[in-house]
Protein backbone atom coordinates (compact mmCIF):
# COMPACT_ATOMS: atom_id res chain seq x y z
CA GLN A 1 -106.06 -14.95 3.28
CA VAL A 2 -103.92 -12.77 1.05
CA LYS A 3 -100.80 -11.59 2.83
CA LEU A 4 -97.86 -9.61 1.50
CA VAL A 5 -94.68 -9.18 3.52
CA GLU A 6 -91.98 -6.77 2.36
CA SER A 7 -88.40 -7.08 3.51
CA GLY A 8 -84.92 -5.92 2.59
CA GLY A 9 -85.06 -2.29 3.66
CA GLY A 10 -82.62 -0.61 5.99
CA LEU A 11 -80.04 2.14 6.34
CA VAL A 12 -77.80 2.31 3.27
CA GLN A 13 -75.17 4.60 1.79
CA PRO A 14 -75.83 6.84 -1.22
CA GLY A 15 -74.79 5.15 -4.45
CA SER A 16 -75.39 1.63 -3.16
CA THR A 17 -77.81 -1.00 -4.49
CA LEU A 18 -80.69 -2.52 -2.53
CA ARG A 19 -83.02 -5.40 -3.34
CA LEU A 20 -86.44 -5.42 -1.69
CA SER A 21 -88.57 -8.57 -1.51
CA CYS A 22 -92.32 -9.19 -1.40
CA ASP A 23 -93.30 -12.61 -0.05
CA ALA A 24 -96.88 -13.51 -0.97
CA SER A 25 -99.30 -16.04 0.47
CA GLY A 26 -102.91 -16.74 -0.44
CA VAL A 27 -102.41 -15.56 -4.02
CA ARG A 28 -100.23 -16.47 -6.98
CA LEU A 29 -98.24 -13.38 -7.91
CA ILE A 30 -98.01 -14.49 -11.54
CA GLU A 31 -101.81 -14.05 -11.77
CA THR A 32 -101.80 -10.51 -10.38
CA THR A 33 -100.77 -7.03 -11.33
CA MET A 34 -97.98 -6.40 -8.83
CA TYR A 35 -97.04 -2.85 -7.89
CA TRP A 36 -94.35 -1.17 -5.87
CA TYR A 37 -95.23 2.15 -4.21
CA ARG A 38 -93.27 4.42 -1.93
CA GLN A 39 -94.32 7.10 0.55
CA VAL A 40 -92.48 9.89 2.31
CA PRO A 41 -94.08 11.19 5.54
CA GLY A 42 -96.35 14.14 4.77
CA LYS A 43 -96.56 13.33 1.07
CA GLU A 44 -98.85 11.23 -1.09
CA ARG A 45 -97.98 7.64 -1.83
CA GLU A 46 -96.53 7.37 -5.33
CA MET A 47 -96.38 4.45 -7.73
CA VAL A 48 -92.89 3.32 -8.65
CA THR A 49 -93.52 0.43 -11.03
CA TYR A 50 -95.83 -2.47 -11.89
CA ILE A 51 -95.83 -5.76 -13.80
CA ILE A 52 -98.90 -7.32 -15.43
CA PRO A 53 -100.31 -10.85 -14.92
CA ARG A 54 -98.53 -13.77 -16.60
CA TYR A 55 -96.48 -11.73 -19.05
CA ASN A 56 -93.57 -9.60 -17.97
CA ASN A 57 -94.66 -6.29 -19.46
CA VAL A 58 -93.73 -3.57 -17.00
CA TYR A 59 -94.25 0.13 -16.40
CA TYR A 60 -91.90 2.48 -14.58
CA ALA A 61 -92.65 5.97 -13.35
CA PRO A 62 -90.36 8.47 -15.12
CA PHE A 63 -88.12 8.86 -12.07
CA ALA A 64 -87.67 5.09 -11.87
CA ARG A 65 -86.81 4.23 -15.46
CA ASP A 66 -83.03 4.11 -15.06
CA ARG A 67 -82.43 2.89 -11.51
CA PHE A 68 -85.39 0.64 -10.59
CA ASP A 69 -86.03 -2.93 -11.71
CA ILE A 70 -89.16 -4.97 -10.90
CA SER A 71 -89.27 -8.76 -11.15
CA ARG A 72 -90.97 -11.84 -9.70
CA ASP A 73 -90.18 -15.51 -9.20
CA PRO A 74 -93.28 -17.65 -9.94
CA ILE A 75 -91.76 -20.70 -8.26
CA LYS A 76 -90.96 -18.94 -4.98
CA ASN A 77 -94.05 -16.72 -5.36
CA THR A 78 -91.90 -13.73 -4.46
CA GLY A 79 -91.67 -10.28 -6.00
CA SER A 80 -88.62 -8.01 -6.01
CA LEU A 81 -87.64 -4.40 -6.51
CA GLN A 82 -83.98 -3.62 -7.10
CA ILE A 83 -82.90 -0.02 -6.64
CA SER A 84 -79.49 1.06 -7.92
CA SER A 85 -77.46 4.21 -7.26
CA LEU A 86 -79.57 5.04 -4.24
CA LYS A 87 -80.08 8.73 -3.50
CA PRO A 88 -81.18 10.44 -0.27
CA GLU A 89 -84.46 11.36 -1.98
CA ASP A 90 -85.20 7.63 -2.32
CA THR A 91 -85.73 7.52 1.45
CA ALA A 92 -89.30 6.29 1.98
CA VAL A 93 -91.44 3.40 3.09
CA TYR A 94 -91.71 1.01 0.16
CA TYR A 95 -94.90 -1.02 -0.26
CA CYS A 96 -95.73 -4.09 -2.30
CA SER A 97 -99.29 -4.16 -3.64
CA VAL A 98 -101.23 -6.63 -5.79
CA ALA A 99 -104.51 -6.33 -7.69
CA PHE A 100 -106.48 -9.55 -8.04
CA ASN A 101 -110.20 -10.28 -8.52
CA LEU A 102 -111.10 -6.59 -8.32
CA THR A 103 -109.38 -6.24 -4.94
CA THR A 104 -106.17 -4.46 -4.03
CA TYR A 105 -103.94 -5.82 -1.26
CA TRP A 106 -101.09 -4.09 0.56
CA GLY A 107 -98.11 -5.18 2.56
CA GLN A 108 -96.96 -3.46 5.74
CA GLY A 109 -94.08 -1.69 4.02
CA THR A 110 -90.34 -1.70 4.53
CA GLN A 111 -88.32 1.40 5.44
CA VAL A 112 -85.47 2.46 3.17
CA THR A 113 -83.20 5.19 4.53
CA VAL A 114 -80.41 6.52 2.31
CA SER A 115 -77.89 8.57 4.26
CA ALA A 116 -74.17 9.06 4.49
């Protein structure tokens, strides 16, 4: 029932800004802990940021504290991750994930490639 669909990735220039979306069905995002992860081939998946249920308290990994911004729209039931000043090392598959009722759900991921 729970489905997460990421979108918004693509090939972008260094220094640009990108906004990724997470469209949710079967669950109210406002009632979940919503995470963004990213993964480079051959490396472990790493957590970028998360936001807690109902309130907008957030956590950012140290590398994400200046250039990443997590948010959600309770009406549209959509989550977002805005990345500013994109760097080549930001190239990865970005995943939306939610934790609800002791279960973790994952989207299929969206590819972000930062290259000149």
